[in-house]
Amino acid sequence: MLGAQEQLDRLEPPIEAAYMYEWFFDLKFAALRTGMGATVLSYTEIDSWCRLYCRTLTPWEVSTLRQMDVAFNSAIDKRSEKKKDK
């Protein structure tokens, strides 16, 4: 039987939200890197991306993208901590 973390790791996003994952990774990997660690996507970065791609996001989509970024950064930080402990 899989542990809770393994079960979460295997979850697939709902098909209805697939576009959000595509947008998130497009934004995330185009975002400015400061060399000071992970930063949350800014409203300015999201706005610039929307204008470049002629997209109009709802407030919910903007909020969700930022929440996804917080979760993504947290997962990266946890992974880095585990590597340091080894």
C-alpha atoms as a PDB file:
ATOM      1  CA  MET A   1       0.000   0.000   0.000  1.00  0.00           C
ATOM      2  CA  LEU A   2       1.242   3.463  -0.893  1.00  0.00           C
ATOM      3  CA  GLY A   3       1.850   6.084   1.763  1.00  0.00           C
ATOM      4  CA  ALA A   4       0.019   9.400   1.715  1.00  0.00           C
ATOM      5  CA  GLN A   5       2.873  11.268   0.000  1.00  0.00           C
ATOM      6  CA  GLU A   6       3.201   8.629  -2.719  1.00  0.00           C
ATOM      7  CA  GLN A   7      -0.543   8.804  -3.333  1.00  0.00           C
ATOM      8  CA  LEU A   8      -0.367  12.585  -3.665  1.00  0.00           C
ATOM      9  CA  ASP A   9       2.631  12.338  -5.982  1.00  0.00           C
ATOM     10  CA  ARG A  10       0.670  10.062  -8.322  1.00  0.00           C
ATOM     11  CA  LEU A  11      -2.406  12.280  -8.555  1.00  0.00           C
ATOM     12  CA  GLU A  12      -3.180  13.644 -11.972  1.00  0.00           C
ATOM     13  CA  PRO A  13      -4.741  17.082 -12.261  1.00  0.00           C
ATOM     14  CA  PRO A  14      -8.389  17.103 -13.295  1.00  0.00           C
ATOM     15  CA  ILE A  15      -8.772  17.426 -17.049  1.00  0.00           C
ATOM     16  CA  GLU A  16     -10.811  20.597 -16.495  1.00  0.00           C
ATOM     17  CA  ALA A  17      -7.765  22.233 -14.893  1.00  0.00           C
ATOM     18  CA  ALA A  18      -5.184  21.085 -17.427  1.00  0.00           C
ATOM     19  CA  TYR A  19      -5.031  24.539 -18.999  1.00  0.00           C
ATOM     20  CA  MET A  20      -4.049  26.018 -15.615  1.00  0.00           C
ATOM     21  CA  TYR A  21      -1.069  23.687 -15.373  1.00  0.00           C
ATOM     22  CA  GLU A  22       0.006  24.612 -18.890  1.00  0.00           C
ATOM     23  CA  TRP A  23      -0.270  28.317 -18.080  1.00  0.00           C
ATOM     24  CA  PHE A  24       1.504  27.883 -14.743  1.00  0.00           C
ATOM     25  CA  PHE A  25       4.549  26.132 -16.175  1.00  0.00           C
ATOM     26  CA  ASP A  26       4.720  28.566 -19.079  1.00  0.00           C
ATOM     27  CA  LEU A  27       4.740  31.463 -16.599  1.00  0.00           C
ATOM     28  CA  LYS A  28       7.015  29.791 -14.063  1.00  0.00           C
ATOM     29  CA  PHE A  29       9.831  28.994 -16.426  1.00  0.00           C
ATOM     30  CA  ALA A  30       9.695  32.357 -18.164  1.00  0.00           C
ATOM     31  CA  ALA A  31       9.783  34.255 -14.852  1.00  0.00           C
ATOM     32  CA  LEU A  32      12.735  36.342 -13.786  1.00  0.00           C
ATOM     33  CA  ARG A  33      15.262  34.471 -11.693  1.00  0.00           C
ATOM     34  CA  THR A  34      17.041  36.529  -9.060  1.00  0.00           C
ATOM     35  CA  GLY A  35      19.544  33.969  -7.833  1.00  0.00           C
ATOM     36  CA  MET A  36      18.143  34.436  -4.330  1.00  0.00           C
ATOM     37  CA  GLY A  37      15.877  31.402  -4.367  1.00  0.00           C
ATOM     38  CA  ALA A  38      12.336  30.872  -5.504  1.00  0.00           C
ATOM     39  CA  THR A  39       9.989  33.832  -5.677  1.00  0.00           C
ATOM     40  CA  VAL A  40       6.235  33.879  -6.082  1.00  0.00           C
ATOM     41  CA  LEU A  41       4.977  34.923  -9.498  1.00  0.00           C
ATOM     42  CA  SER A  42       4.228  38.608  -9.364  1.00  0.00           C
ATOM     43  CA  TYR A  43       1.091  40.278 -10.638  1.00  0.00           C
ATOM     44  CA  THR A  44       3.322  42.172 -13.069  1.00  0.00           C
ATOM     45  CA  GLU A  45       4.703  38.941 -14.534  1.00  0.00           C
ATOM     46  CA  ILE A  46       1.211  37.504 -14.870  1.00  0.00           C
ATOM     47  CA  ASP A  47      -0.074  40.718 -16.454  1.00  0.00           C
ATOM     48  CA  SER A  48       2.810  40.811 -18.949  1.00  0.00           C
ATOM     49  CA  TRP A  49       2.227  37.170 -19.868  1.00  0.00           C
ATOM     50  CA  CYS A  50      -1.492  37.869 -20.389  1.00  0.00           C
ATOM     51  CA  ARG A  51      -0.741  40.791 -22.687  1.00  0.00           C
ATOM     52  CA  LEU A  52       1.836  38.806 -24.685  1.00  0.00           C
ATOM     53  CA  TYR A  53      -0.554  35.912 -25.207  1.00  0.00           C
ATOM     54  CA  CYS A  54      -3.762  37.995 -25.483  1.00  0.00           C
ATOM     55  CA  ARG A  55      -5.327  36.224 -22.523  1.00  0.00           C
ATOM     56  CA  THR A  56      -7.848  37.576 -20.071  1.00  0.00           C
ATOM     57  CA  LEU A  57      -7.694  35.763 -16.743  1.00  0.00           C
ATOM     58  CA  THR A  58     -10.391  35.791 -14.124  1.00  0.00           C
ATOM     59  CA  PRO A  59      -9.455  36.865 -10.593  1.00  0.00           C
ATOM     60  CA  TRP A  60      -9.852  33.210  -9.558  1.00  0.00           C
ATOM     61  CA  GLU A  61      -7.342  32.087 -12.213  1.00  0.00           C
ATOM     62  CA  VAL A  62      -4.793  34.704 -11.118  1.00  0.00           C
ATOM     63  CA  SER A  63      -5.196  33.698  -7.481  1.00  0.00           C
ATOM     64  CA  THR A  64      -4.958  30.015  -8.354  1.00  0.00           C
ATOM     65  CA  LEU A  65      -1.779  30.521 -10.387  1.00  0.00           C
ATOM     66  CA  ARG A  66      -0.171  32.313  -7.430  1.00  0.00           C
ATOM     67  CA  GLN A  67      -1.296  29.566  -5.026  1.00  0.00           C
ATOM     68  CA  MET A  68       0.111  26.942  -7.387  1.00  0.00           C
ATOM     69  CA  ASP A  69       3.390  28.836  -7.344  1.00  0.00           C
ATOM     70  CA  VAL A  70       3.517  28.893  -3.538  1.00  0.00           C
ATOM     71  CA  ALA A  71       2.889  25.126  -3.468  1.00  0.00           C
ATOM     72  CA  PHE A  72       5.489  24.525  -6.197  1.00  0.00           C
ATOM     73  CA  ASN A  73       8.121  26.585  -4.374  1.00  0.00           C
ATOM     74  CA  SER A  74       7.346  24.801  -1.105  1.00  0.00           C
ATOM     75  CA  ALA A  75       7.806  21.404  -2.751  1.00  0.00           C
ATOM     76  CA  ILE A  76      11.131  22.507  -4.242  1.00  0.00           C
ATOM     77  CA  ASP A  77      12.285  23.804  -0.837  1.00  0.00           C
ATOM     78  CA  LYS A  78      11.346  20.512   0.848  1.00  0.00           C
ATOM     79  CA  ARG A  79      13.202  18.541  -1.804  1.00  0.00           C
ATOM     80  CA  SER A  80      16.270  20.731  -1.320  1.00  0.00           C
ATOM     81  CA  GLU A  81      16.118  20.233   2.462  1.00  0.00           C
ATOM     82  CA  LYS A  82      16.004  16.448   2.030  1.00  0.00           C
ATOM     83  CA  LYS A  83      19.064  16.561  -0.236  1.00  0.00           C
ATOM     84  CA  LYS A  84      20.962  18.637   2.347  1.00  0.00           C
ATOM     85  CA  ASP A  85      20.136  16.134   5.085  1.00  0.00           C
ATOM     86  CA  LYS A  86      21.682  13.237   3.169  1.00  0.00           C
END
